[in-house]
Amino acid sequence: MNETRRLPGDPHPRRAIARMLRVDHAGEYGALRIYAGQRAVLRRPETDALLAHMQAQEQHHLDSFAALLTRRRVRPTALLPLWHLAGFALGAATAALGERAAMACTVAVEETIDAHYARQAAALGPEEAPLRDTIETFRAEELEHRDIGLAHDAEHAPAYRLLSAAIKAGCRVAIALSEVL
């Protein structure tokens, strides 16, 4: 963490990094489960290929954060069993509403993660350059996923604004909970 920006009451840099890694690991796990739920419901080969591509990138992100958790001796969130179920349910439910709703879910999740990763990258000091680079690389891939969703008519999903707002709110709650639990 950037020590020059640290204020009284801010967590110790090691604790702040642990929170970052914990929530990023949880988020990538949840994203992986969302794509699994979508793929279980959507059976069109061209859609499945897109979802498989995004899911493979999320698996790489998850594996990278899992390795960082181990290397830095950070415990994962205790909420992984909840994210296992909730992620799959969100993916399956949005896919059941149709391909556009599934893509709207992707857009909402990835826009939330983009803002989350941007805040994290900005908070990291020069001593954490490798972690910042990893986060920025993953952030670019998450934006690629958002763009795929937009290119596949996410904004034409039924009740797009409502669906997007609800998913973004859920993501923000999941982020807050995963940082501390």
Protein backbone atom coordinates (compact mmCIF):
# COMPACT_ATOMS: atom_id res chain seq x y z
CA MET A 1 0.00 0.00 0.00
CA ASN A 2 1.14 3.50 -0.65
CA GLU A 3 2.44 4.67 2.73
CA THR A 4 2.32 8.36 1.73
CA ARG A 5 -1.46 8.15 1.38
CA ARG A 6 -2.03 6.25 4.62
CA LEU A 7 -4.23 8.05 7.13
CA PRO A 8 -4.74 7.39 10.83
CA GLY A 9 -7.10 4.46 11.18
CA ASP A 10 -6.18 2.98 7.80
CA PRO A 11 -5.30 -0.71 7.99
CA HIS A 12 -1.65 -1.71 8.10
CA PRO A 13 -0.38 -2.22 4.53
CA ARG A 14 -0.01 -5.98 5.01
CA ARG A 15 -3.58 -6.21 6.26
CA ALA A 16 -4.84 -4.07 3.38
CA ILE A 17 -3.07 -6.31 0.84
CA ALA A 18 -4.57 -9.39 2.51
CA ARG A 19 -8.05 -7.88 2.14
CA MET A 20 -7.37 -7.12 -1.52
CA LEU A 21 -6.17 -10.62 -2.27
CA ARG A 22 -9.01 -12.22 -0.32
CA VAL A 23 -11.71 -10.28 -2.15
CA ASP A 24 -10.07 -10.65 -5.57
CA HIS A 25 -9.81 -14.40 -5.11
CA ALA A 26 -13.46 -14.54 -4.03
CA GLY A 27 -14.56 -12.38 -6.95
CA GLU A 28 -12.78 -14.51 -9.51
CA TYR A 29 -14.27 -17.62 -7.93
CA GLY A 30 -17.74 -16.10 -8.13
CA ALA A 31 -17.20 -15.09 -11.77
CA LEU A 32 -16.11 -18.61 -12.63
CA ARG A 33 -19.31 -19.93 -11.06
CA ILE A 34 -21.45 -17.37 -12.93
CA TYR A 35 -20.08 -18.60 -16.25
CA ALA A 36 -20.61 -22.21 -15.16
CA GLY A 37 -24.26 -21.43 -14.44
CA GLN A 38 -24.70 -19.66 -17.76
CA ARG A 39 -23.07 -22.48 -19.69
CA ALA A 40 -25.31 -25.03 -17.97
CA VAL A 41 -28.40 -23.23 -19.27
CA LEU A 42 -27.37 -21.70 -22.60
CA ARG A 43 -26.69 -24.46 -25.10
CA ARG A 44 -25.95 -22.58 -28.34
CA PRO A 45 -22.44 -23.52 -29.59
CA GLU A 46 -21.43 -19.94 -30.51
CA THR A 47 -22.56 -18.61 -27.13
CA ASP A 48 -20.87 -21.47 -25.32
CA ALA A 49 -17.59 -20.71 -27.09
CA LEU A 50 -17.72 -17.09 -25.87
CA LEU A 51 -18.60 -18.13 -22.34
CA ALA A 52 -15.88 -20.80 -22.34
CA HIS A 53 -13.30 -18.19 -23.40
CA MET A 54 -14.31 -15.84 -20.59
CA GLN A 55 -14.51 -18.70 -18.09
CA ALA A 56 -10.97 -19.82 -19.00
CA GLN A 57 -9.65 -16.31 -18.35
CA GLU A 58 -11.47 -16.24 -14.99
CA GLN A 59 -9.88 -19.60 -14.14
CA HIS A 60 -6.44 -18.12 -14.83
CA HIS A 61 -7.28 -15.12 -12.62
CA LEU A 62 -8.51 -17.44 -9.85
CA ASP A 63 -5.40 -19.61 -10.06
CA SER A 64 -3.17 -16.53 -9.89
CA PHE A 65 -4.93 -15.14 -6.83
CA ALA A 66 -4.92 -18.57 -5.17
CA ALA A 67 -1.15 -18.70 -5.61
CA LEU A 68 -0.81 -15.20 -4.16
CA LEU A 69 -2.96 -16.17 -1.16
CA THR A 70 -0.64 -19.11 -0.49
CA ARG A 71 2.57 -17.16 -1.07
CA ARG A 72 1.48 -14.30 1.20
CA ARG A 73 -0.18 -16.54 3.79
CA VAL A 74 -3.61 -15.00 3.41
CA ARG A 75 -6.71 -17.04 4.15
CA PRO A 76 -9.48 -17.08 1.56
CA THR A 77 -12.88 -15.73 2.48
CA ALA A 78 -15.04 -17.96 4.63
CA LEU A 79 -17.87 -17.18 2.21
CA LEU A 80 -16.57 -19.32 -0.69
CA PRO A 81 -19.37 -21.91 -0.19
CA LEU A 82 -21.94 -19.11 -0.47
CA TRP A 83 -20.26 -17.67 -3.58
CA HIS A 84 -20.19 -21.20 -5.04
CA LEU A 85 -23.97 -21.37 -4.89
CA ALA A 86 -24.79 -17.70 -5.47
CA GLY A 87 -22.51 -17.38 -8.49
CA PHE A 88 -23.94 -20.45 -10.20
CA ALA A 89 -27.51 -19.37 -9.36
CA LEU A 90 -26.94 -15.88 -10.76
CA GLY A 91 -25.45 -17.28 -13.94
CA ALA A 92 -28.19 -19.85 -14.41
CA ALA A 93 -30.99 -17.40 -13.58
CA THR A 94 -29.79 -14.74 -15.99
CA ALA A 95 -29.21 -17.35 -18.70
CA ALA A 96 -32.75 -18.66 -18.14
CA LEU A 97 -33.94 -15.15 -19.04
CA GLY A 98 -32.08 -15.45 -22.34
CA GLU A 99 -28.69 -14.77 -23.89
CA ARG A 100 -29.11 -11.00 -23.66
CA ALA A 101 -29.79 -11.21 -19.92
CA ALA A 102 -26.76 -13.44 -19.46
CA MET A 103 -24.67 -10.86 -21.29
CA ALA A 104 -26.25 -8.09 -19.20
CA CYS A 105 -25.07 -9.98 -16.12
CA THR A 106 -21.55 -10.11 -17.55
CA VAL A 107 -21.59 -6.37 -18.28
CA ALA A 108 -22.84 -5.48 -14.80
CA VAL A 109 -20.32 -7.72 -13.02
CA GLU A 110 -17.40 -6.60 -15.16
CA GLU A 111 -18.20 -2.89 -14.81
CA THR A 112 -18.25 -3.32 -11.04
CA ILE A 113 -14.97 -5.24 -11.10
CA ASP A 114 -13.37 -2.65 -13.37
CA ALA A 115 -14.07 0.10 -10.82
CA HIS A 116 -12.95 -2.19 -7.98
CA TYR A 117 -9.65 -3.10 -9.67
CA ALA A 118 -9.03 0.55 -10.62
CA ARG A 119 -9.32 1.59 -6.95
CA GLN A 120 -6.98 -1.22 -5.92
CA ALA A 121 -4.36 -0.38 -8.55
CA ALA A 122 -4.43 3.29 -7.54
CA ALA A 123 -3.92 2.38 -3.88
CA LEU A 124 -0.84 0.23 -4.48
CA GLY A 125 2.54 1.86 -4.03
CA PRO A 126 5.72 1.19 -5.99
CA GLU A 127 6.68 -1.68 -3.67
CA GLU A 128 3.63 -3.56 -4.97
CA ALA A 129 4.26 -2.95 -8.69
CA PRO A 130 4.02 -6.66 -9.62
CA LEU A 131 0.63 -6.97 -7.89
CA ARG A 132 -0.58 -3.75 -9.53
CA ASP A 133 0.53 -5.08 -12.93
CA THR A 134 -1.38 -8.33 -12.33
CA ILE A 135 -4.50 -6.42 -11.33
CA GLU A 136 -4.23 -4.13 -14.37
CA THR A 137 -3.79 -7.14 -16.70
CA PHE A 138 -6.83 -8.84 -15.23
CA ARG A 139 -8.76 -5.57 -15.33
CA ALA A 140 -8.13 -5.33 -19.08
CA GLU A 141 -9.46 -8.86 -19.54
CA GLU A 142 -12.54 -8.05 -17.47
CA LEU A 143 -13.17 -5.06 -19.73
CA GLU A 144 -12.85 -7.39 -22.71
CA HIS A 145 -15.63 -9.49 -21.15
CA ARG A 146 -17.78 -6.37 -20.71
CA ASP A 147 -17.21 -5.46 -24.34
CA ILE A 148 -18.20 -8.97 -25.45
CA GLY A 149 -21.42 -8.62 -23.47
CA LEU A 150 -22.17 -5.24 -25.02
CA ALA A 151 -21.43 -6.57 -28.51
CA HIS A 152 -23.96 -9.34 -27.87
CA ASP A 153 -26.88 -7.02 -27.09
CA ALA A 154 -26.66 -6.94 -23.30
CA GLU A 155 -28.31 -3.52 -23.26
CA HIS A 156 -31.35 -5.00 -25.05
CA ALA A 157 -32.07 -7.47 -22.25
CA PRO A 158 -35.50 -7.16 -20.65
CA ALA A 159 -35.39 -4.61 -17.81
CA TYR A 160 -31.68 -4.03 -18.50
CA ARG A 161 -31.28 -1.05 -16.16
CA LEU A 162 -33.03 -2.78 -13.27
CA LEU A 163 -31.17 -6.05 -13.83
CA SER A 164 -27.83 -4.25 -14.10
CA ALA A 165 -28.43 -2.15 -10.98
CA ALA A 166 -29.44 -5.20 -8.93
CA ILE A 167 -26.40 -7.21 -10.03
CA LYS A 168 -24.02 -4.31 -9.39
CA ALA A 169 -25.48 -3.81 -5.91
CA GLY A 170 -25.07 -7.52 -5.19
CA CYS A 171 -21.46 -7.38 -6.37
CA ARG A 172 -20.69 -4.44 -4.10
CA VAL A 173 -22.17 -6.31 -1.13
CA ALA A 174 -20.16 -9.43 -2.02
CA ILE A 175 -16.98 -7.34 -2.24
CA ALA A 176 -17.56 -5.74 1.15
CA LEU A 177 -18.34 -9.06 2.83
CA SER A 178 -15.47 -10.96 1.23
CA GLU A 179 -12.90 -8.40 2.34
CA VAL A 180 -13.58 -9.03 6.00
CA LEU A 181 -15.07 -12.50 6.37
